[in-house]
Each structure stands twice: as C-alpha cells, then as structure tokens.
C-alpha cells in the first residue's frame, strides 16, 4: 500500500519547530559543497537510490514494513540514524545531524519544505516512486552523475534484454496482460500502470486489461470475490504477508473460488508470488532491479516460491 499524503505534523509542532529553527542563535545553516557528504533521505526511493550511488546517508526515515529498514538495505545502512516516519520526519533530529543535503518529495513534504530549507539545501522530487527521475536528480545533486549514468545505462540494457526474451518466449501471444495483486486479510488491492510496479512492467511491454487501463490512481480495492474478474489477466504477480495466517487463509479461499479458477492466469499456471517490498515499497533503482530478478525467476524460468 502507498500511504496517504496526510499526518505530516501537527500545527502546534510545526509552530514550535519553526520558532526553534528560525530563532536567532539557532543552528547555523549547512552549506552544500561540490559533493554532498551528509545526505538525509526522507522517502524510501531516495534511500534506495543513495545506497545504489554509493552514499551512506547521514539519516533515513523508517521503512513501511520490515521495520526499521527493509532487509535488502540493512547491511548498507547498519548504524545509520533514523529521523522518524516518511510522513512525519523529526525536524529536530534532522537538524542535529547537520546534513548538507536533504532529499524529500513534494508528495510527502511540501508542507515542511520551508523548514527543511532552513537546515540545508533541499532537493524536492515531485513523487516518491519515479525511480529513474530520482536517480538522475540525486546523481546531479550529489555530484555523482557518472555513477547515476552507469546505473541508468545498466537498467536500460537489462530492460531491453528482458523485453527481447519475453517476446521470444511468448511469440504471437506477446504482449501479455498482467495484474499485480496485494492479498490482504479482508480484501485484495490491485496495482495499476501508474504504480511503482506498473511503471516497470509497462517498460517491459506488459499491458493491463480494459478496466486497469481505465482506472485512475495507483491501485484499486477489491472488497468481494465477485469483483475478481476486474483483474483478469494472462499473468498474476501476487504478494502478501507470508507471516499472516489471515492473509494465507484469504488467499486459499480466493484460489478455491470458481471465479479465480476461470481467469486466464490461473488456468495457464502463470500465478507467481513475488517480493512485495521490492514491487511496491522500495521505490528505487535497487528495488526495481529486484523486481526484474523476480520476473526472470518466475515467468522466464518458471520457478515457484
């Protein structure tokens, strides 16, 4: 799930922090050098991108799951201070870490942009999941254009190779339609072309059915089994909390339902469990490459979880 752009900070807290940061005698403003050395990342995709660029952040926000940080980033981020939630970062903690660059997003942090800019220069991305844009912008802001260009070139080459492999494997049946399904205890969430996973799958050449193309936003919620035909597709990529008995019960009940069994992906045996952290939460170039790993492992190699 992609949490709402709400709950950033109470008005009282904003007022208190404004007075503290802006008052005479407050901490002096940090100056960004040619290459920022103390970078604080305030959304998951920026943290992922920093690691990809070889940056050890001075501070990060908590992850959405696998708290306090996604497992695939833990080794690189061991010992890095946390500065609160993505939707409610602590300005006190940020200021105390004396960063020379903050990477934030208007989607999450526009309301506190002015306060962040009192601490040090701020890079504001429009969205949190536009990972290739994040890579390019952070490469420039941190004087790591060469590294960012190499990562982008590697991505482009890998996408081109996988697209050719998919076309060769499925021939005249290509492109295949796809659905990305997040199994919850009481409903199913289907991610759309504008989601993080959707942008990667679209780049590979997958398509959505008519309902998916017509829907707006990043996901739709299916509250009843009778809605299952809305997500009918040639391929299902599925994820959910493997440690949740309720999720597993719900998934078993779904797969036993006649409407599920009549859809194209189950009938063709193309239903694969994948890493939900990489597919939805990661938001960066490393997570996107982990998505491609899953696609190679499943649809191209046919392995099962």
Protein backbone atom coordinates (compact mmCIF):
# COMPACT_ATOMS: atom_id res chain seq x y z
CA UNK A 1 0.00 0.00 0.00
CA UNK A 2 1.16 3.54 -0.68
CA UNK A 3 0.30 5.55 2.44
CA UNK A 4 -1.66 8.79 2.17
CA UNK A 5 -0.17 12.25 2.00
CA UNK A 6 -1.58 13.05 5.45
CA UNK A 7 -0.50 13.27 9.03
CA UNK A 8 2.81 15.01 8.37
CA UNK A 9 2.87 17.04 11.53
CA UNK A 10 0.52 18.90 13.86
CA UNK A 11 0.19 22.66 13.52
CA UNK A 12 1.47 23.08 17.08
CA UNK A 13 4.57 21.04 16.31
CA UNK A 14 5.19 22.99 13.12
CA UNK A 15 4.93 26.29 15.03
CA UNK A 16 7.27 25.09 17.77
CA UNK A 17 9.85 23.81 15.30
CA UNK A 18 9.59 26.95 13.17
CA UNK A 19 10.41 29.10 16.16
CA UNK A 20 13.24 26.80 17.23
CA UNK A 21 14.88 26.59 13.82
CA UNK A 22 14.42 30.18 12.78
CA UNK A 23 15.14 31.91 16.08
CA UNK A 24 18.27 33.98 16.49
CA UNK A 25 21.14 31.84 17.67
CA UNK A 26 19.68 28.66 16.17
CA UNK A 27 21.93 26.13 14.46
CA UNK A 28 23.69 27.77 11.51
CA UNK A 29 22.68 26.72 8.03
CA UNK A 30 24.72 23.94 6.46
CA UNK A 31 26.38 24.74 3.16
CA UNK A 32 26.24 22.22 0.34
CA UNK A 33 29.67 21.56 -1.14
CA UNK A 34 30.50 20.29 -4.64
CA UNK A 35 29.68 16.77 -3.48
CA UNK A 36 27.23 16.44 -0.62
CA UNK A 37 28.73 14.28 2.12
CA UNK A 38 25.94 14.24 4.71
CA UNK A 39 22.73 13.38 2.88
CA UNK A 40 19.43 12.73 4.66
CA UNK A 41 16.79 10.87 2.66
CA UNK A 42 13.13 11.35 3.56
CA UNK A 43 11.46 8.76 1.36
CA UNK A 44 12.15 5.12 0.57
CA UNK A 45 13.09 5.59 -3.07
CA UNK A 46 15.68 8.22 -2.12
CA UNK A 47 17.21 5.91 0.48
CA UNK A 48 17.39 3.06 -2.05
CA UNK A 49 18.94 5.42 -4.63
CA UNK A 50 21.51 6.76 -2.17
CA UNK A 51 22.73 3.23 -1.48
CA UNK A 52 22.85 2.49 -5.21
CA UNK A 53 25.00 5.59 -5.72
CA UNK A 54 27.43 4.51 -3.03
CA UNK A 55 26.22 7.06 -0.48
CA UNK A 56 25.90 6.15 3.18
CA UNK A 57 23.14 8.53 4.32
CA UNK A 58 23.55 10.64 7.43
CA UNK A 59 19.92 9.84 8.27
CA UNK A 60 16.94 7.94 6.87
CA UNK A 61 13.24 7.53 7.61
CA UNK A 62 11.69 4.29 8.81
CA UNK A 63 10.59 1.76 6.21
CA UNK A 64 6.92 0.93 5.68
CA UNK A 65 7.41 -2.75 6.54
CA UNK A 66 10.24 -4.99 7.78
CA UNK A 67 10.88 -2.17 10.26
CA UNK A 68 13.04 -0.33 10.93
CA UNK A 69 14.54 -0.86 7.45
CA UNK A 70 13.96 -3.22 4.55
CA UNK A 71 16.09 -6.32 4.77
CA UNK A 72 17.75 -5.75 1.41
CA UNK A 73 19.14 -2.39 2.65
CA UNK A 74 20.03 -3.32 6.23
CA UNK A 75 23.66 -4.20 5.65
CA UNK A 76 24.37 -0.97 3.78
CA UNK A 77 22.51 1.12 6.36
CA UNK A 78 23.68 -0.55 9.58
CA UNK A 79 24.12 2.13 12.22
CA UNK A 80 22.56 4.95 10.19
CA UNK A 81 20.34 7.16 12.41
CA UNK A 82 16.59 7.25 11.79
CA UNK A 83 14.72 10.55 11.72
CA UNK A 84 11.13 9.35 12.08
CA UNK A 85 8.44 8.38 9.61
CA UNK A 86 8.31 9.25 5.93
CA UNK A 87 5.02 11.04 6.59
CA UNK A 88 6.29 12.69 9.80
CA UNK A 89 10.05 13.23 9.89
CA UNK A 90 11.55 14.82 13.00
CA UNK A 91 12.94 18.25 12.19
CA UNK A 92 14.85 18.28 15.48
CA UNK A 93 16.63 15.04 14.64
CA UNK A 94 17.34 16.22 11.10
CA UNK A 95 18.88 19.49 12.30
CA UNK A 96 21.02 17.75 14.93
CA UNK A 97 22.56 15.53 12.24
CA UNK A 98 23.83 18.66 10.44
CA UNK A 99 23.19 17.46 6.86
CA UNK A 100 24.47 19.30 3.82
CA UNK A 101 21.65 17.94 1.60
CA UNK A 102 18.11 16.69 2.24
CA UNK A 103 16.27 14.66 -0.39
CA UNK A 104 12.50 14.93 0.04
CA UNK A 105 9.33 14.85 -2.07
CA UNK A 106 6.56 17.34 -2.61
CA UNK A 107 4.08 14.48 -2.32
CA UNK A 108 5.11 13.92 1.29
CA UNK A 109 6.94 17.04 2.47
CA UNK A 110 5.76 20.15 0.66
CA UNK A 111 4.17 21.41 3.86
CA UNK A 112 7.51 21.47 5.69
CA UNK A 113 9.73 22.40 2.76
CA UNK A 114 10.43 25.89 4.11
CA UNK A 115 11.55 24.49 7.46
CA UNK A 116 13.78 21.90 5.84
CA UNK A 117 15.40 24.63 3.74
CA UNK A 118 16.37 26.45 6.93
CA UNK A 119 18.60 23.49 7.81
CA UNK A 120 20.39 22.97 4.48
CA UNK A 121 19.75 22.79 0.72
CA UNK A 122 16.81 20.55 -0.18
CA UNK A 123 16.15 18.51 -3.32
CA UNK A 124 12.40 18.11 -3.81
CA UNK A 125 11.19 15.31 -6.09
CA UNK A 126 7.60 15.55 -7.26
CA UNK A 127 6.72 11.94 -6.46
CA UNK A 128 8.17 9.11 -4.38
CA UNK A 129 8.12 6.27 -6.93
CA UNK A 130 9.54 7.85 -10.10
CA UNK A 131 12.77 5.97 -9.53
CA UNK A 132 14.58 6.89 -12.75
CA UNK A 133 13.93 10.58 -12.19
CA UNK A 134 15.06 10.22 -8.57
CA UNK A 135 18.26 8.58 -9.78
CA UNK A 136 19.04 11.37 -12.24
CA UNK A 137 18.24 14.20 -9.85
CA UNK A 138 20.21 12.69 -6.98
CA UNK A 139 23.14 11.98 -9.27
CA UNK A 140 23.34 15.67 -10.11
CA UNK A 141 22.70 16.90 -6.55
CA UNK A 142 25.40 14.69 -5.05
CA UNK A 143 27.95 15.15 -7.86
CA UNK A 144 27.61 11.50 -8.82
CA UNK A 145 26.48 11.94 -12.41
CA UNK A 146 28.85 9.24 -13.65
CA UNK A 147 27.52 6.69 -11.19
CA UNK A 148 23.91 7.62 -11.93
CA UNK A 149 24.50 7.40 -15.68
CA UNK A 150 26.09 3.96 -15.29
CA UNK A 151 23.14 2.72 -13.23
CA UNK A 152 20.68 4.09 -15.79
CA UNK A 153 22.58 2.54 -18.69
CA UNK A 154 22.65 -0.81 -16.91
CA UNK A 155 18.90 -0.56 -16.31
CA UNK A 156 18.15 0.32 -19.92
CA UNK A 157 20.25 -2.59 -21.17
CA UNK A 158 18.61 -5.04 -18.80
CA UNK A 159 15.11 -3.90 -19.77
CA UNK A 160 15.96 -4.25 -23.47
CA UNK A 161 17.33 -7.77 -22.95
CA UNK A 162 14.34 -8.93 -20.91
CA UNK A 163 11.89 -7.44 -23.39
CA UNK A 164 13.50 -9.44 -26.19
CA UNK A 165 13.43 -12.61 -24.09
CA UNK A 166 9.76 -12.13 -23.26
CA UNK A 167 8.87 -11.53 -26.89
CA UNK A 168 10.81 -14.63 -27.93
CA UNK A 169 9.19 -16.81 -25.27
CA UNK A 170 5.60 -15.82 -25.98
CA UNK A 171 5.77 -15.06 -29.68
CA UNK A 172 2.45 -14.01 -31.18
CA UNK A 173 0.84 -14.05 -27.71
CA UNK A 174 3.02 -11.13 -26.64
CA UNK A 175 2.33 -8.68 -25.06
CA UNK A 176 0.71 -10.45 -22.13
CA UNK A 177 -1.74 -8.69 -19.85
CA UNK A 178 -0.77 -8.51 -16.18
CA UNK A 179 -2.21 -7.88 -12.73
CA UNK A 180 -0.24 -7.13 -9.55
CA UNK A 181 -2.24 -8.34 -6.56
CA UNK A 182 -1.64 -7.50 -2.91
CA UNK A 183 -3.52 -10.03 -0.78
CA UNK A 184 -4.83 -8.58 2.49
CA UNK A 185 -6.81 -10.33 5.22
CA UNK A 186 -10.14 -8.84 4.11
CA UNK A 187 -9.60 -7.59 0.55
CA UNK A 188 -7.33 -7.57 -2.47
CA UNK A 189 -5.54 -4.49 -3.79
CA UNK A 190 -4.67 -4.44 -7.48
CA UNK A 191 -1.87 -2.11 -8.58
CA UNK A 192 -2.28 -0.11 -11.77
CA UNK A 193 0.07 1.14 -14.52
CA UNK A 194 0.90 4.33 -12.57
CA UNK A 195 2.20 2.39 -9.55
CA UNK A 196 5.87 1.66 -9.00
CA UNK A 197 5.46 -1.94 -10.16
CA UNK A 198 3.23 -0.81 -13.02
CA UNK A 199 5.85 1.51 -14.49
CA UNK A 200 8.44 -1.28 -14.55
CA UNK A 201 6.05 -3.81 -16.09
CA UNK A 202 4.92 -1.28 -18.70
CA UNK A 203 8.53 -0.60 -19.64
CA UNK A 204 8.97 -4.33 -20.23
CA UNK A 205 5.93 -4.34 -22.52
CA UNK A 206 3.22 -5.86 -20.31
CA UNK A 207 -0.27 -4.42 -20.68
CA UNK A 208 -3.37 -4.06 -18.49
CA UNK A 209 -6.89 -5.15 -19.28
CA UNK A 210 -9.52 -2.58 -20.18
CA UNK A 211 -10.56 -2.00 -16.56
CA UNK A 212 -6.97 -1.48 -15.48
CA UNK A 213 -6.29 0.99 -18.28
CA UNK A 214 -9.43 2.95 -17.47
CA UNK A 215 -8.83 3.17 -13.70
CA UNK A 216 -7.08 6.15 -12.17
CA UNK A 217 -4.57 6.30 -9.33
CA UNK A 218 -2.06 3.66 -8.33
CA UNK A 219 -4.36 0.88 -7.12
CA UNK A 220 -7.93 -0.32 -6.80
CA UNK A 221 -9.51 -2.17 -3.88
CA UNK A 222 -11.49 -5.36 -4.43
CA UNK A 223 -13.67 -5.97 -1.39
CA UNK A 224 -15.57 -9.02 -2.68
CA UNK A 225 -14.78 -12.15 -4.63
CA UNK A 226 -17.41 -11.19 -7.15
CA UNK A 227 -15.05 -8.37 -8.23
CA UNK A 228 -12.28 -10.78 -9.22
CA UNK A 229 -12.98 -10.64 -12.98
CA UNK A 230 -11.91 -6.97 -12.89
CA UNK A 231 -8.27 -8.14 -12.55
CA UNK A 232 -8.41 -10.95 -15.10
CA UNK A 233 -5.07 -11.12 -16.95
CA UNK A 234 -2.60 -13.52 -18.56
CA UNK A 235 -0.16 -13.17 -15.64
CA UNK A 236 -0.67 -12.60 -11.93
CA UNK A 237 2.17 -11.36 -9.74
CA UNK A 238 0.98 -11.81 -6.17
CA UNK A 239 2.32 -10.82 -2.78
CA UNK A 240 1.12 -10.54 0.79
CA UNK A 241 2.35 -11.01 4.32
CA UNK A 242 3.64 -14.57 4.38
CA UNK A 243 3.68 -14.50 8.19
CA UNK A 244 -0.01 -13.59 8.42
CA UNK A 245 -2.36 -16.57 8.87
CA UNK A 246 -5.27 -14.32 7.87
CA UNK A 247 -3.62 -13.42 4.57
CA UNK A 248 -2.83 -17.04 3.82
CA UNK A 249 -6.41 -18.12 4.64
CA UNK A 250 -7.79 -15.40 2.40
CA UNK A 251 -5.51 -16.42 -0.46
CA UNK A 252 -6.51 -20.09 -0.15
CA UNK A 253 -10.18 -19.12 -0.21
CA UNK A 254 -9.63 -16.92 -3.27
CA UNK A 255 -7.81 -19.61 -5.23
CA UNK A 256 -10.55 -22.10 -4.45
CA UNK A 257 -13.28 -19.79 -5.78
CA UNK A 258 -14.69 -20.62 -9.25
CA UNK A 259 -14.22 -17.03 -10.44
CA UNK A 260 -10.50 -17.21 -9.68
CA UNK A 261 -10.14 -20.59 -11.36
CA UNK A 262 -11.80 -19.32 -14.55
CA UNK A 263 -9.39 -16.43 -15.04
CA UNK A 264 -6.60 -16.61 -17.60
CA UNK A 265 -3.54 -16.59 -15.31
CA UNK A 266 -4.69 -19.44 -13.02
CA UNK A 267 -5.80 -21.52 -15.99
CA UNK A 268 -2.41 -21.06 -17.67
CA UNK A 269 -0.44 -21.69 -14.47
CA UNK A 270 1.03 -18.19 -14.52
CA UNK A 271 0.41 -17.09 -10.92
CA UNK A 272 3.61 -16.22 -9.07
CA UNK A 273 4.36 -14.96 -5.57
CA UNK A 274 6.93 -12.16 -5.51
CA UNK A 275 8.62 -9.83 -3.02
CA UNK A 276 6.10 -7.13 -2.10
CA UNK A 277 8.80 -4.87 -0.63
CA UNK A 278 10.61 -4.72 -3.96
CA UNK A 279 7.45 -4.47 -6.05
CA UNK A 280 5.61 -1.73 -4.16
CA UNK A 281 7.52 -0.25 -1.22
CA UNK A 282 11.12 0.11 -2.40
CA UNK A 283 10.67 2.95 -4.88
CA UNK A 284 14.28 2.95 -6.11
CA UNK A 285 16.61 1.53 -8.72
CA UNK A 286 17.76 -1.33 -6.46
CA UNK A 287 14.19 -2.38 -5.74
CA UNK A 288 13.31 -2.13 -9.42
CA UNK A 289 16.18 -4.48 -10.26
CA UNK A 290 14.90 -6.89 -7.62
CA UNK A 291 11.60 -6.82 -9.50
CA UNK A 292 13.42 -7.85 -12.65
CA UNK A 293 15.09 -10.67 -10.68
CA UNK A 294 11.61 -11.93 -9.72
CA UNK A 295 10.42 -11.74 -13.32
CA UNK A 296 13.41 -13.73 -14.55
CA UNK A 297 12.90 -16.30 -11.79
CA UNK A 298 9.19 -16.74 -12.42
CA UNK A 299 7.81 -16.01 -15.85
CA UNK A 300 11.07 -16.67 -17.73
CA UNK A 301 12.37 -19.61 -15.71
CA UNK A 302 9.08 -20.93 -14.36
CA UNK A 303 10.31 -21.47 -10.78
CA UNK A 304 7.90 -21.39 -7.85
CA UNK A 305 8.09 -19.90 -4.40
